[in-house]
Protein backbone atom coordinates (compact mmCIF):
# COMPACT_ATOMS: atom_id res chain seq x y z
CA MET A 1 15.40 -10.20 39.78
CA SER A 2 16.31 -12.59 36.82
CA ASP A 3 19.95 -12.95 36.25
CA ALA A 4 19.14 -13.66 32.20
CA PRO A 5 20.62 -11.90 29.52
CA VAL A 6 18.45 -8.84 28.92
CA VAL A 7 17.36 -8.10 25.34
CA HIS A 8 15.43 -4.61 24.43
CA VAL A 9 12.97 -5.31 21.05
CA VAL A 10 12.05 -1.81 19.49
CA ASP A 11 9.45 -2.73 16.68
CA ASP A 12 6.04 -0.91 15.97
CA ASP A 13 4.59 -4.06 14.67
CA GLU A 14 2.70 -5.69 17.70
CA SER A 15 2.54 -8.99 16.16
CA ALA A 16 6.27 -9.20 14.72
CA ARG A 17 7.01 -7.91 18.35
CA GLU A 18 5.46 -10.71 20.55
CA SER A 19 6.87 -13.41 18.09
CA LEU A 20 10.21 -12.07 18.92
CA ALA A 21 9.66 -11.53 22.47
CA PHE A 22 8.35 -15.54 22.55
CA LEU A 23 11.04 -16.62 20.41
CA LEU A 24 13.70 -14.96 23.01
CA GLU A 25 12.35 -15.99 26.00
CA SER A 26 11.79 -19.66 24.93
CA ALA A 27 15.93 -19.29 24.68
CA ASP A 28 16.00 -18.03 28.34
CA PHE A 29 16.86 -14.48 27.80
CA GLU A 30 14.73 -11.52 29.62
CA VAL A 31 12.99 -9.66 26.95
CA VAL A 32 11.33 -6.23 27.32
CA THR A 33 9.11 -4.58 24.11
CA TYR A 34 9.04 -1.25 23.09
CA ALA A 35 6.41 -0.43 20.28
CA SER A 36 8.53 2.69 19.51
CA ALA A 37 11.91 4.39 19.40
CA PRO A 38 10.68 7.39 21.53
CA ALA A 39 9.37 4.88 24.09
CA PHE A 40 12.86 2.80 24.46
CA LEU A 41 14.59 6.17 24.65
CA GLU A 42 11.88 6.98 27.42
CA ALA A 43 12.93 4.18 29.60
CA LEU A 44 16.63 4.17 28.61
CA GLU A 45 18.02 5.86 32.25
CA THR A 46 16.24 2.72 33.65
CA ALA A 47 16.67 0.12 31.60
CA THR A 48 19.15 -2.80 32.34
CA PRO A 49 22.10 -3.04 29.94
CA GLY A 50 21.60 -5.73 27.29
CA VAL A 51 21.40 -6.01 23.52
CA ILE A 52 19.03 -3.85 21.67
CA ILE A 53 17.17 -5.29 18.75
CA THR A 54 15.52 -2.51 16.65
CA ASP A 55 13.45 -2.59 13.63
CA VAL A 56 14.44 -0.57 11.21
CA ARG A 57 11.55 0.72 9.26
CA MET A 58 9.37 2.76 12.19
CA PRO A 59 7.05 5.51 12.58
CA GLU A 60 8.36 8.61 14.59
CA MET A 61 11.63 7.41 14.67
CA SER A 62 13.64 4.58 12.08
CA GLY A 63 15.93 2.41 13.24
CA GLN A 64 19.04 4.16 11.67
CA ASP A 65 17.72 7.67 13.78
CA LEU A 66 17.78 5.11 16.99
CA VAL A 67 21.29 3.93 16.48
CA ALA A 68 22.54 7.88 15.71
CA ARG A 69 20.58 8.81 18.64
CA LEU A 70 22.46 6.27 20.84
CA ALA A 71 25.52 7.32 19.59
CA ALA A 72 25.21 10.38 20.61
CA LEU A 73 24.22 9.74 24.18
CA LYS A 74 27.22 7.45 24.24
CA VAL A 75 25.37 4.30 24.85
CA LYS A 76 27.43 1.34 25.02
CA MET A 77 24.89 -1.37 24.14
CA PRO A 78 25.06 -3.39 21.20
CA ILE A 79 22.19 -3.53 18.53
CA VAL A 80 20.97 -5.85 16.05
CA MET A 81 18.98 -4.41 13.44
CA ILE A 82 16.25 -6.18 11.49
CA THR A 83 13.76 -5.39 8.65
CA GLY A 84 11.48 -6.50 5.95
CA HIS A 85 13.01 -4.38 3.41
CA GLY A 86 16.73 -4.92 3.66
CA ASP A 87 19.08 -4.06 0.55
CA ILE A 88 22.98 -3.39 0.58
CA PRO A 89 23.36 0.24 0.91
CA MET A 90 21.23 -0.21 3.88
CA ALA A 91 22.98 -3.03 5.42
CA VAL A 92 26.64 -1.67 5.10
CA GLU A 93 25.31 1.74 6.43
CA ALA A 94 23.66 -0.37 9.60
CA MET A 95 27.33 -2.17 9.73
CA ARG A 96 29.36 1.18 9.77
CA SER A 97 27.80 2.73 12.39
CA GLY A 98 28.54 -0.11 14.73
CA VAL A 99 25.61 -2.14 14.54
CA VAL A 100 26.31 -5.68 15.54
CA ASP A 101 24.30 -7.96 12.76
CA PHE A 102 21.65 -7.10 10.30
CA LEU A 103 19.04 -9.42 9.71
CA GLU A 104 16.80 -9.45 6.65
CA LYS A 105 13.10 -10.86 7.74
CA PRO A 106 12.08 -13.78 7.79
CA PHE A 107 15.27 -14.81 9.43
CA SER A 108 15.53 -18.35 11.28
CA GLU A 109 15.87 -18.84 14.84
CA SER A 110 19.43 -20.23 14.79
CA ARG A 111 20.45 -17.07 12.54
CA MET A 112 18.84 -14.64 15.61
CA LEU A 113 20.33 -16.37 18.23
CA ASP A 114 23.59 -16.33 16.30
CA ALA A 115 23.06 -12.71 15.85
CA LEU A 116 22.66 -11.98 19.99
CA GLN A 117 25.51 -14.68 20.91
CA ARG A 118 27.74 -12.03 18.91
CA ALA A 119 26.45 -9.27 19.81
CA PHE A 120 26.79 -9.95 23.73
CA LYS A 121 30.16 -11.18 23.42
CA SER A 122 30.97 -7.75 21.53
CA SER A 123 30.30 -5.80 24.86
CA GLU A 124 32.29 -8.33 27.22
CA ALA A 125 35.76 -8.02 24.96
CA ALA A 126 37.26 -6.05 21.98
CA PRO A 127 38.03 -7.77 18.69
CA VAL A 128 40.88 -10.43 18.87
CA THR A 129 43.85 -9.70 16.99
CA THR A 130 43.96 -13.14 15.63
CA ASP A 131 40.99 -13.12 14.34
CA GLN A 132 41.88 -9.89 12.21
CA ALA A 133 45.04 -11.79 11.27
CA ALA A 134 42.94 -14.49 9.88
CA ILE A 135 40.77 -12.10 8.04
CA LEU A 136 43.40 -10.36 6.71
CA LYS A 137 44.78 -13.53 5.47
CA ARG A 138 41.67 -14.23 3.85
CA ILE A 139 41.21 -11.22 1.91
CA GLU A 140 44.86 -11.60 0.90
CA SER A 141 43.68 -15.08 -0.87
CA LEU A 142 40.93 -13.28 -2.74
CA SER A 143 42.03 -12.61 -6.63
CA GLU A 144 42.35 -8.79 -7.63
CA ARG A 145 38.63 -9.00 -9.35
CA GLU A 146 37.57 -10.78 -6.16
CA ARG A 147 38.81 -7.62 -4.15
CA GLN A 148 37.37 -5.25 -6.47
CA VAL A 149 34.00 -6.90 -5.91
CA LEU A 150 34.24 -6.88 -2.33
CA ASP A 151 35.45 -3.05 -2.02
CA GLY A 152 31.98 -2.50 -4.24
CA VAL A 153 29.94 -4.26 -1.85
CA VAL A 154 31.54 -2.45 1.35
CA ALA A 155 30.77 0.39 -0.39
CA GLY A 156 27.56 -0.64 -0.21
CA HIS A 157 26.67 -0.85 -4.17
CA ALA A 158 24.25 -3.13 -5.82
CA ASN A 159 25.90 -5.53 -7.93
CA LYS A 160 24.62 -3.62 -11.23
CA VAL A 161 26.71 -0.80 -10.20
CA ILE A 162 29.64 -2.78 -9.08
CA ALA A 163 29.23 -4.43 -12.66
CA ARG A 164 29.17 -0.91 -14.71
CA ASP A 165 32.14 0.25 -12.79
CA LEU A 166 33.99 -2.86 -13.37
CA GLY A 167 33.00 -3.61 -17.15
CA ILE A 168 31.33 -6.77 -16.58
CA SER A 169 27.60 -7.91 -15.92
CA PRO A 170 25.56 -8.41 -12.83
CA ARG A 171 25.78 -11.80 -13.10
CA THR A 172 29.70 -11.93 -13.34
CA VAL A 173 29.17 -9.75 -10.34
CA GLU A 174 27.33 -12.46 -8.67
CA ILE A 175 29.40 -15.69 -9.30
CA TYR A 176 32.91 -13.53 -8.17
CA ARG A 177 30.40 -12.39 -5.48
CA ALA A 178 29.86 -15.76 -4.35
CA LYS A 179 33.30 -16.82 -4.61
CA LEU A 180 34.44 -14.22 -2.18
CA MET A 181 32.02 -14.98 0.30
CA THR A 182 33.12 -18.71 0.52
CA LYS A 183 36.87 -17.51 0.60
CA MET A 184 36.37 -15.13 2.96
CA GLN A 185 34.15 -17.73 5.34
CA ALA A 186 30.88 -15.60 5.30
CA ASP A 187 27.42 -17.15 5.32
CA ASN A 188 25.72 -13.76 5.16
CA LEU A 189 26.25 -9.66 3.80
CA ALA A 190 26.22 -8.59 7.50
CA ALA A 191 29.30 -11.20 8.22
CA LEU A 192 31.44 -10.06 5.11
CA VAL A 193 30.87 -6.26 6.11
CA ARG A 194 31.64 -6.65 9.41
CA MET A 195 35.06 -8.42 8.84
CA THR A 196 36.14 -6.10 6.04
CA LEU A 197 35.33 -3.18 8.07
CA SER A 198 37.35 -5.03 11.46
CA VAL A 199 40.47 -4.98 9.33
CA ARG A 200 40.03 -1.77 7.34
CA GLY A 201 38.04 0.38 9.90
CA GLY A 202 35.17 2.42 9.04
CA SER A 203 36.59 4.48 6.01
């Protein structure tokens, strides 16, 4: 039996599944693939604990439905969600439901490996209080307008909706969003949402 960390890949696209499995096996992960969410749930009882990577859009049962089902079953395995059709509301919904990371296709090899590293760490320990203090300090460094844009992003609103609510242009929202991403030290939307929810909770 291998001691390599186990990754369960759930994706109905065979070529995407095989490509991801090849990438992960090359990085010394043990990979088990499933062509559908029901197939994974059927194998769950005997599955080796590890990290789950699931696509969002699948027939029979979507990635979001799988996440909800696993939560109902009290399955504690960390989840990384991938999609070729990502948008802000979907990303925020995924992060609020406890997904460790949310990646839009095509994603780089390093981005996936970073997400997996974070996922395996999340299963080992609770968030570190000093990390939360650093995040709070970053939020405090934001201007009032930047905080308003952050609130809109974390609420799952698109730029044009945030712009309408604040009475500014979508382009101005983009500028504020870029500034707050830099101040928050977030290199992508999932990281920004994850950090903010870690200190504010899921509400």
